[in-house]
Amino acid sequence: MKTEQVTGGAGATAARLPLEGVRVVDLSQGVAGPFCARLLADYGATAVKVESPAGDESRRAGPFPGDEPDPECSGLFLHLNTNKRGIVVDSRAPAGVDVVRRLVAAADVVVESARPADVAGTGLEPAALLAGREDLVVTSVTPFGQDGPYRDYRMTEIVAFAMGGPMNSSGSPDREPVKLAGNAVQMQSGATALTATLGALFHAQSTGRGQHVDVATYETQNGSLDRRRYYLLSYQYSGYVTQRAHKVGAGRIAVGGRFPTRDGRMITTGAVWPTHLPRMVSVLGDEELSARFAERGEELIVAQPELVNAAIASWAASRDARAAMREAQSAGWPVVVVNDPKTLLTDEHLVARGFWVEGESPMGPVPHTGAPWKVDGGGWALRAPAPRLGQHTDEVLRETGFDDAAIAGLRAEGVVL
């Protein structure tokens, strides 16, 4: 892969990237494994994404431009596979298995996500990949891990969220439980896999001995994201199982919430605490509210919530969202803008920190998310967009030792694309 940066922005620097020289073969599909491999590539590793002729399953997931499905324009795939080269190999064929094993022979790290039953006896199971390679790191990112009763079960995001808990306490008590939006569980599993992979890679480079890293998404959820760890700890000590419940204030008018602003956006005050009330009153500048507050103090929140909310609504409607946020926060009243994806692209803080980095895509130049952390001297660069299906097959095969005649033969047999 070319190592020069594609774009400027945060982390785009001529400084040496921390994982330069590390070679990664990404055999994984979906979200968790590809996200792990993408993070390795973002910090300088040379990564080859291996897909089947049908392509990674994430190519069939949106969002798509104009809501028109296109395997080359899946927003999810493009996000998960920056800084990788792409090759298509049919690993169901013996010749395809040979191609993959030759790629692995030159790698430092392999990321894979196959259920154990799907690769058993194929020559591509982790034990077979590790055989004869004392210094190789193989990271398996699977739903339930390499052993145990559930090891060959499939998993979707909602399954992961439900089985990992505490979905039982998410949502309204009058309805079915709900999960967080998006792919939060799978992304967090991929980030966990990255941490474990870096540890194993450090061990391999220090001792010459590689390792098999077995990451089970089910387990990453039971010990981490979204209240799980302390909910489990609470039950262990008290026996209490958290239930879905009505929000505080349900059944009566509460002070605060979300309010439209002059520029068509929204702000939110959250709950107005008694300690916030005098600061809020000073910001709003409403004479009636000020007089009532002087008379009733903190009791105003309970006694006249309609009056307070009307004053907030009037104040918000006369200001742009970000101006309202800055004005309130300068007085110590916690008010924030309700961002959507479009407004995040112009968020003054993210822009000031150079978080958004422009990069190429099938739709032309688009903003990409930058590094999730900063390191002195850079350490991160967006060097290449996600590959088109089979974009680098010939290039990678030549580097692996196949000549043009061998590549043509593999393509004629349908082994590569």
Protein backbone atom coordinates (compact mmCIF):
# COMPACT_ATOMS: atom_id res chain seq x y z
CA MET A 1 0.00 0.00 0.00
CA LYS A 2 1.15 3.51 -0.67
CA THR A 3 2.09 5.14 2.58
CA GLU A 4 1.74 8.79 1.71
CA GLN A 5 -1.19 10.58 3.27
CA VAL A 6 -4.26 11.17 1.12
CA THR A 7 -5.56 14.16 3.00
CA GLY A 8 -4.60 16.75 5.54
CA GLY A 9 -6.21 17.24 8.92
CA ALA A 10 -5.69 15.92 12.41
CA GLY A 11 -3.08 13.21 12.52
CA ALA A 12 -2.17 13.57 8.84
CA THR A 13 1.56 13.97 9.14
CA ALA A 14 4.81 13.00 7.53
CA ALA A 15 5.89 11.43 10.82
CA ARG A 16 6.32 7.68 10.90
CA LEU A 17 3.08 5.91 11.73
CA PRO A 18 3.37 3.61 14.77
CA LEU A 19 2.33 0.42 12.96
CA GLU A 20 4.33 0.94 9.77
CA GLY A 21 5.85 -2.34 8.65
CA VAL A 22 3.12 -4.45 10.27
CA ARG A 23 1.33 -6.61 7.69
CA VAL A 24 -2.33 -7.47 8.28
CA VAL A 25 -4.58 -9.89 6.40
CA ASP A 26 -8.24 -9.14 7.08
CA LEU A 27 -10.35 -12.26 6.50
CA SER A 28 -13.24 -10.95 8.59
CA GLN A 29 -16.71 -9.83 7.55
CA GLY A 30 -19.40 -7.58 8.93
CA VAL A 31 -18.54 -4.92 11.50
CA ALA A 32 -16.47 -6.03 14.49
CA GLY A 33 -13.53 -7.73 12.73
CA PRO A 34 -13.26 -5.19 9.89
CA PHE A 35 -13.33 -2.34 12.42
CA CYS A 36 -10.43 -3.94 14.31
CA ALA A 37 -8.45 -4.31 11.07
CA ARG A 38 -9.34 -0.78 9.98
CA LEU A 39 -7.90 0.67 13.20
CA LEU A 40 -4.68 -1.27 12.66
CA ALA A 41 -4.49 0.11 9.11
CA ASP A 42 -5.30 3.65 10.23
CA TYR A 43 -2.18 3.66 12.37
CA GLY A 44 0.09 2.52 9.58
CA ALA A 45 -0.28 -1.23 9.11
CA THR A 46 -0.38 -2.52 5.54
CA ALA A 47 -3.76 -4.27 5.40
CA VAL A 48 -5.22 -6.56 2.74
CA LYS A 49 -8.97 -7.08 2.86
CA VAL A 50 -9.91 -10.56 1.54
CA GLU A 51 -13.50 -10.87 0.29
CA SER A 52 -15.50 -13.65 -1.28
CA PRO A 53 -16.85 -13.11 -4.83
CA ALA A 54 -20.12 -11.96 -3.23
CA GLY A 55 -18.29 -9.30 -1.24
CA ASP A 56 -18.34 -8.49 2.45
CA GLU A 57 -21.85 -8.62 3.95
CA SER A 58 -21.51 -4.98 5.02
CA ARG A 59 -21.54 -3.95 1.33
CA ARG A 60 -25.24 -4.80 1.37
CA ALA A 61 -25.94 -2.60 4.39
CA GLY A 62 -26.75 1.09 4.16
CA PRO A 63 -26.76 3.92 4.16
CA PHE A 64 -26.57 4.31 0.39
CA PRO A 65 -26.60 7.56 -1.61
CA GLY A 66 -30.19 8.24 -2.60
CA ASP A 67 -31.23 5.03 -0.80
CA GLU A 68 -30.21 3.08 -3.92
CA PRO A 69 -28.38 -0.14 -2.89
CA ASP A 70 -24.90 -0.27 -4.42
CA PRO A 71 -22.18 -2.60 -3.06
CA GLU A 72 -19.54 -0.02 -3.91
CA CYS A 73 -21.28 2.81 -2.05
CA SER A 74 -22.31 1.34 1.29
CA GLY A 75 -21.54 3.95 3.92
CA LEU A 76 -20.93 1.20 6.47
CA PHE A 77 -18.44 -0.66 4.27
CA LEU A 78 -16.63 2.53 3.28
CA HIS A 79 -16.27 3.53 6.93
CA LEU A 80 -14.99 0.14 8.08
CA ASN A 81 -12.41 -0.42 5.36
CA THR A 82 -10.40 2.73 4.80
CA ASN A 83 -6.64 2.31 4.37
CA LYS A 84 -7.00 -1.29 3.13
CA ARG A 85 -6.34 -2.87 -0.21
CA GLY A 86 -8.97 -5.30 -1.50
CA ILE A 87 -8.66 -8.74 -3.04
CA VAL A 88 -11.35 -11.27 -3.96
CA VAL A 89 -10.66 -14.96 -3.34
CA ASP A 90 -13.10 -17.88 -3.36
CA SER A 91 -11.76 -19.74 -0.34
CA ARG A 92 -14.24 -22.58 -0.88
CA ALA A 93 -11.95 -23.82 -3.65
CA PRO A 94 -8.68 -25.59 -2.77
CA ALA A 95 -6.76 -23.16 -4.97
CA GLY A 96 -8.41 -20.30 -3.09
CA VAL A 97 -7.31 -21.76 0.25
CA ASP A 98 -3.78 -21.88 -1.12
CA VAL A 99 -3.95 -18.22 -2.12
CA VAL A 100 -5.12 -17.20 1.34
CA ARG A 101 -2.47 -19.28 3.08
CA ARG A 102 0.24 -17.69 0.92
CA LEU A 103 -1.04 -14.26 1.92
CA VAL A 104 -1.00 -15.29 5.57
CA ALA A 105 2.55 -16.62 5.24
CA ALA A 106 3.78 -13.05 4.75
CA ALA A 107 1.57 -11.48 7.46
CA ASP A 108 2.16 -10.45 11.04
CA VAL A 109 -1.52 -10.32 12.00
CA VAL A 110 -4.62 -12.10 10.69
CA VAL A 111 -8.10 -10.92 11.67
CA GLU A 112 -10.87 -13.45 11.06
CA SER A 113 -14.52 -13.78 12.05
CA ALA A 114 -15.64 -17.21 10.85
CA ARG A 115 -17.71 -19.41 13.13
CA PRO A 116 -15.56 -22.40 14.14
CA ALA A 117 -17.85 -24.88 12.37
CA ASP A 118 -17.58 -22.98 9.09
CA VAL A 119 -13.78 -23.28 8.80
CA ALA A 120 -13.11 -26.57 10.59
CA GLY A 121 -10.93 -28.77 8.40
CA THR A 122 -10.51 -26.18 5.63
CA GLY A 123 -6.95 -25.22 6.44
CA LEU A 124 -8.09 -21.72 7.35
CA GLU A 125 -9.03 -22.37 10.99
CA PRO A 126 -6.88 -20.43 13.47
CA ALA A 127 -4.85 -23.47 14.54
CA ALA A 128 -3.99 -24.25 10.92
CA LEU A 129 -2.99 -20.64 10.21
CA LEU A 130 -0.74 -20.61 13.28
CA ALA A 131 0.93 -23.92 12.42
CA GLY A 132 4.50 -23.32 11.39
CA ARG A 133 4.31 -19.59 12.16
CA GLU A 134 5.65 -19.10 15.65
CA ASP A 135 5.43 -15.30 15.47
CA LEU A 136 1.95 -14.91 13.89
CA VAL A 137 -0.96 -13.26 15.70
CA VAL A 138 -4.41 -14.53 14.72
CA THR A 139 -7.31 -12.54 16.12
CA SER A 140 -10.72 -14.24 15.96
CA VAL A 141 -13.64 -11.84 16.46
CA THR A 142 -16.72 -14.04 16.61
CA PRO A 143 -20.14 -13.85 18.25
CA PHE A 144 -19.50 -16.38 21.02
CA GLY A 145 -15.85 -17.37 20.83
CA GLN A 146 -14.02 -20.52 19.81
CA ASP A 147 -15.55 -22.94 22.33
CA GLY A 148 -18.58 -23.34 24.56
CA PRO A 149 -22.18 -24.36 23.77
CA TYR A 150 -22.92 -21.21 21.74
CA ARG A 151 -19.74 -21.13 19.66
CA ASP A 152 -21.45 -21.79 16.30
CA TYR A 153 -24.48 -19.57 16.85
CA ARG A 154 -24.98 -16.59 14.60
CA MET A 155 -25.40 -13.08 15.98
CA THR A 156 -26.94 -9.81 14.86
CA GLU A 157 -26.63 -6.48 16.64
CA ILE A 158 -29.96 -6.86 18.43
CA VAL A 159 -29.05 -10.40 19.53
CA ALA A 160 -25.75 -9.12 20.94
CA PHE A 161 -27.47 -6.28 22.76
CA ALA A 162 -30.18 -8.53 24.17
CA MET A 163 -27.93 -11.37 25.31
CA GLY A 164 -25.29 -9.01 26.68
CA GLY A 165 -27.81 -7.07 28.81
CA PRO A 166 -29.17 -4.83 30.11
CA MET A 167 -31.75 -4.68 27.33
CA ASN A 168 -34.25 -5.83 29.95
CA SER A 169 -34.10 -2.32 31.42
CA SER A 170 -34.06 -0.32 28.16
CA GLY A 171 -37.30 1.23 26.96
CA SER A 172 -40.81 1.81 28.25
CA PRO A 173 -42.32 -0.61 30.80
CA ASP A 174 -45.47 -0.70 28.65
CA ARG A 175 -43.61 -1.89 25.55
CA GLU A 176 -41.03 -4.45 24.50
CA PRO A 177 -37.39 -3.75 25.42
CA VAL A 178 -35.28 -1.85 22.90
CA LYS A 179 -31.60 -1.61 21.97
CA LEU A 180 -29.23 1.25 21.23
CA ALA A 181 -29.34 2.42 17.61
CA GLY A 182 -26.72 1.47 15.05
CA ASN A 183 -23.85 -0.98 15.50
CA ALA A 184 -22.59 0.17 18.90
CA VAL A 185 -22.11 -3.39 20.20
CA GLN A 186 -20.16 -4.62 17.17
CA MET A 187 -17.99 -1.50 17.00
CA GLN A 188 -17.13 -1.80 20.67
CA SER A 189 -16.27 -5.46 20.15
CA GLY A 190 -13.93 -4.47 17.31
CA ALA A 191 -12.24 -1.84 19.46
CA THR A 192 -11.76 -4.45 22.20
CA ALA A 193 -10.22 -6.79 19.61
CA LEU A 194 -7.81 -4.05 18.57
CA THR A 195 -6.57 -3.64 22.15
CA ALA A 196 -6.05 -7.39 22.53
CA THR A 197 -4.34 -7.62 19.13
CA LEU A 198 -1.87 -4.86 19.97
CA GLY A 199 -0.98 -6.68 23.18
CA ALA A 200 -0.40 -9.93 21.31
CA LEU A 201 1.59 -8.14 18.60
CA PHE A 202 3.83 -6.53 21.23
CA HIS A 203 4.34 -9.98 22.77
CA ALA A 204 5.19 -11.49 19.37
CA GLN A 205 7.68 -8.76 18.54
CA SER A 206 9.27 -9.02 21.98
CA THR A 207 9.50 -12.80 22.27
CA GLY A 208 9.10 -14.14 18.73
CA ARG A 209 6.05 -16.09 19.83
CA GLY A 210 2.64 -15.33 18.37
CA GLN A 211 -0.74 -15.95 19.91
CA HIS A 212 -4.35 -16.73 19.08
CA VAL A 213 -6.56 -13.88 20.34
CA ASP A 214 -10.10 -15.18 20.93
CA VAL A 215 -12.58 -12.29 21.19
CA ALA A 216 -16.23 -13.16 21.84
CA THR A 217 -18.64 -10.28 21.26
CA TYR A 218 -20.97 -11.82 23.85
CA GLU A 219 -18.28 -11.47 26.48
CA THR A 220 -17.23 -7.96 25.48
CA GLN A 221 -20.81 -6.92 26.20
CA ASN A 222 -21.24 -8.67 29.52
CA GLY A 223 -18.31 -6.79 30.96
CA SER A 224 -18.50 -3.32 29.48
CA LEU A 225 -20.77 -1.15 27.36
CA ASP A 226 -23.93 0.59 28.51
CA ARG A 227 -24.25 -0.17 32.25
CA ARG A 228 -23.56 -3.89 31.98
CA ARG A 229 -20.64 -4.21 34.33
CA TYR A 230 -22.13 -2.37 37.27
CA TYR A 231 -25.60 -3.87 36.68
CA LEU A 232 -24.05 -7.32 36.99
CA LEU A 233 -22.04 -6.25 40.03
CA SER A 234 -25.15 -4.75 41.62
CA TYR A 235 -27.04 -8.02 41.19
CA GLN A 236 -24.18 -10.06 42.60
CA TYR A 237 -24.19 -7.99 45.78
CA SER A 238 -27.85 -7.13 46.21
CA GLY A 239 -29.87 -9.54 44.11
CA TYR A 240 -31.65 -6.58 42.52
CA VAL A 241 -32.61 -6.86 38.82
CA THR A 242 -33.11 -3.47 37.18
CA GLN A 243 -36.44 -3.14 35.38
CA ARG A 244 -37.79 -0.82 32.71
CA ALA A 245 -39.43 2.10 34.46
CA HIS A 246 -41.19 5.33 33.69
CA LYS A 247 -38.86 8.30 33.47
CA VAL A 248 -38.64 10.54 36.47
CA GLY A 249 -41.44 13.07 36.18
CA ALA A 250 -43.72 10.83 34.14
CA GLY A 251 -47.35 11.75 34.71
CA ARG A 252 -46.65 15.40 35.41
CA ILE A 253 -45.17 18.34 33.55
CA ALA A 254 -41.40 18.51 34.04
CA VAL A 255 -39.19 21.56 33.68
CA GLY A 256 -36.69 21.48 30.85
CA GLY A 257 -36.34 19.32 27.76
CA ARG A 258 -35.82 20.07 24.09
CA PHE A 259 -36.69 23.43 22.55
CA PRO A 260 -36.59 24.69 18.94
CA THR A 261 -34.28 27.59 18.13
CA ARG A 262 -34.38 30.43 15.60
CA ASP A 263 -32.21 28.58 13.07
CA GLY A 264 -34.53 25.56 12.97
CA ARG A 265 -32.42 23.44 15.26
CA MET A 266 -32.94 22.22 18.81
CA ILE A 267 -31.31 22.67 22.17
CA THR A 268 -31.77 20.57 25.27
CA THR A 269 -31.57 21.65 28.88
CA GLY A 270 -31.87 18.21 30.36
CA ALA A 271 -33.49 18.24 33.78
CA VAL A 272 -33.30 21.62 35.52
CA TRP A 273 -31.77 21.03 38.93
CA PRO A 274 -32.50 23.42 41.81
CA THR A 275 -28.89 24.63 41.76
CA HIS A 276 -29.27 25.51 38.07
CA LEU A 277 -32.45 27.52 38.57
CA PRO A 278 -30.97 30.90 39.58
CA ARG A 279 -28.42 30.70 36.75
CA MET A 280 -31.18 29.86 34.27
CA VAL A 281 -33.37 32.74 35.47
CA SER A 282 -30.48 35.18 35.06
CA VAL A 283 -29.92 34.01 31.47
CA LEU A 284 -33.57 34.06 30.41
CA GLY A 285 -34.14 37.65 31.52
CA ASP A 286 -37.89 37.10 31.82
CA GLU A 287 -39.32 39.65 34.28
CA GLU A 288 -42.32 37.56 35.36
CA LEU A 289 -40.15 34.49 35.88
CA SER A 290 -37.61 36.53 37.87
CA ALA A 291 -40.37 37.92 40.11
CA ARG A 292 -41.87 34.49 40.72
CA PHE A 293 -38.43 33.03 41.45
CA ALA A 294 -37.71 35.81 43.96
CA GLU A 295 -41.01 34.97 45.62
CA ARG A 296 -41.00 31.17 45.54
CA GLY A 297 -37.36 30.15 44.95
CA GLU A 298 -36.71 26.54 44.06
CA GLU A 299 -40.36 25.67 44.64
CA LEU A 300 -41.02 27.29 41.26
CA ILE A 301 -39.91 24.13 39.45
CA VAL A 302 -42.73 22.09 40.96
CA ALA A 303 -45.32 24.85 41.38
CA GLN A 304 -45.22 26.46 37.92
CA PRO A 305 -43.39 24.27 35.38
CA GLU A 306 -45.49 25.74 32.52
CA LEU A 307 -44.24 29.23 33.32
CA VAL A 308 -40.60 28.09 33.37
CA ASN A 309 -40.90 26.11 30.13
CA ALA A 310 -42.64 28.98 28.36
CA ALA A 311 -39.79 31.30 29.32
CA ILE A 312 -37.18 28.82 28.06
CA ALA A 313 -39.10 28.31 24.82
CA SER A 314 -39.33 32.05 24.18
CA TRP A 315 -35.64 32.55 24.90
CA ALA A 316 -34.58 29.64 22.65
CA ALA A 317 -36.80 30.78 19.77
CA SER A 318 -35.02 34.14 19.66
CA ARG A 319 -31.51 32.69 19.30
CA ASP A 320 -29.54 30.37 17.08
CA ALA A 321 -28.79 27.02 18.71
CA ARG A 322 -25.07 27.43 19.20
CA ALA A 323 -25.42 31.00 20.43
CA ALA A 324 -27.98 29.85 22.99
CA MET A 325 -25.67 27.07 24.14
CA ARG A 326 -22.72 29.42 24.60
CA GLU A 327 -24.84 32.02 26.42
CA ALA A 328 -26.28 29.49 28.86
CA GLN A 329 -23.02 27.71 29.52
CA SER A 330 -21.20 30.98 30.21
CA ALA A 331 -23.59 31.38 33.16
CA GLY A 332 -23.13 27.81 34.37
CA TRP A 333 -26.48 26.54 33.07
CA PRO A 334 -25.86 23.26 31.17
CA VAL A 335 -27.55 23.64 27.79
CA VAL A 336 -26.32 21.87 24.64
CA VAL A 337 -27.18 21.72 20.96
CA VAL A 338 -29.01 18.63 19.72
CA ASN A 339 -26.69 17.60 16.89
CA ASP A 340 -27.52 15.50 13.88
CA PRO A 341 -24.94 14.12 11.41
CA LYS A 342 -25.16 17.19 9.19
CA THR A 343 -24.63 19.69 11.99
CA LEU A 344 -21.80 17.66 13.50
CA LEU A 345 -19.82 18.32 10.32
CA THR A 346 -19.78 22.02 11.20
CA ASP A 347 -19.49 21.67 14.97
CA GLU A 348 -17.05 24.38 15.99
CA HIS A 349 -15.16 22.18 18.45
CA LEU A 350 -14.67 19.26 16.04
CA VAL A 351 -13.65 21.67 13.28
CA ALA A 352 -11.17 23.45 15.56
CA ARG A 353 -9.56 20.13 16.51
CA GLY A 354 -9.34 19.02 12.87
CA PHE A 355 -11.42 15.91 13.51
CA TRP A 356 -12.99 15.77 10.05
CA VAL A 357 -10.62 14.65 7.29
CA GLU A 358 -11.59 14.81 3.63
CA GLY A 359 -11.01 11.65 1.63
CA GLU A 360 -12.05 10.09 -1.65
CA SER A 361 -15.05 7.79 -2.09
CA PRO A 362 -17.14 6.50 -5.00
CA MET A 363 -19.28 9.63 -4.49
CA GLY A 364 -16.27 11.94 -4.72
CA PRO A 365 -14.52 13.71 -1.83
CA VAL A 366 -16.41 13.30 1.46
CA PRO A 367 -15.55 14.01 5.11
CA HIS A 368 -14.23 11.03 7.05
CA THR A 369 -13.96 10.69 10.79
CA GLY A 370 -10.46 11.32 12.04
CA ALA A 371 -8.36 9.63 14.68
CA PRO A 372 -10.19 8.63 17.87
CA TRP A 373 -7.26 9.99 19.88
CA LYS A 374 -4.28 12.29 19.37
CA VAL A 375 -0.64 11.33 19.73
CA ASP A 376 2.27 13.77 19.75
CA GLY A 377 3.81 13.86 16.31
CA GLY A 378 0.71 12.59 14.51
CA GLY A 379 0.54 8.82 14.37
CA TRP A 380 -2.56 8.59 12.17
CA ALA A 381 -3.36 9.27 8.53
CA LEU A 382 -6.15 8.63 6.07
CA ARG A 383 -4.09 7.21 3.24
CA ALA A 384 -6.61 5.44 1.01
CA PRO A 385 -10.38 5.00 0.65
CA ALA A 386 -12.05 1.63 1.12
CA PRO A 387 -11.32 -0.63 -1.87
CA ARG A 388 -13.71 -1.49 -4.63
CA LEU A 389 -14.55 -5.18 -4.86
CA GLY A 390 -11.40 -6.91 -6.10
CA GLN A 391 -9.65 -3.60 -6.81
CA HIS A 392 -6.16 -4.78 -5.84
CA THR A 393 -6.36 -8.50 -6.62
CA ASP A 394 -3.66 -8.55 -9.30
CA GLU A 395 -1.39 -6.16 -7.42
CA VAL A 396 -1.50 -8.15 -4.18
CA LEU A 397 -1.13 -11.53 -5.90
CA ARG A 398 1.96 -10.34 -7.76
CA GLU A 399 3.48 -9.20 -4.48
CA THR A 400 2.67 -12.63 -3.02
CA GLY A 401 4.62 -14.40 -5.78
CA PHE A 402 2.00 -15.21 -8.44
CA ASP A 403 2.98 -14.38 -12.01
CA ASP A 404 0.55 -13.07 -14.61
CA ALA A 405 -0.08 -16.53 -16.09
CA ALA A 406 -0.93 -17.96 -12.67
CA ILE A 407 -3.25 -15.05 -11.93
CA ALA A 408 -4.99 -15.48 -15.28
CA GLY A 409 -5.45 -19.17 -14.55
CA LEU A 410 -6.95 -18.47 -11.12
CA ARG A 411 -9.31 -15.92 -12.64
CA ALA A 412 -10.37 -18.31 -15.39
CA GLU A 413 -11.25 -20.88 -12.72
CA GLY A 414 -13.27 -18.32 -10.78
CA VAL A 415 -10.94 -18.53 -7.79
CA VAL A 416 -10.10 -14.82 -7.83
CA LEU A 417 -11.88 -11.77 -9.14
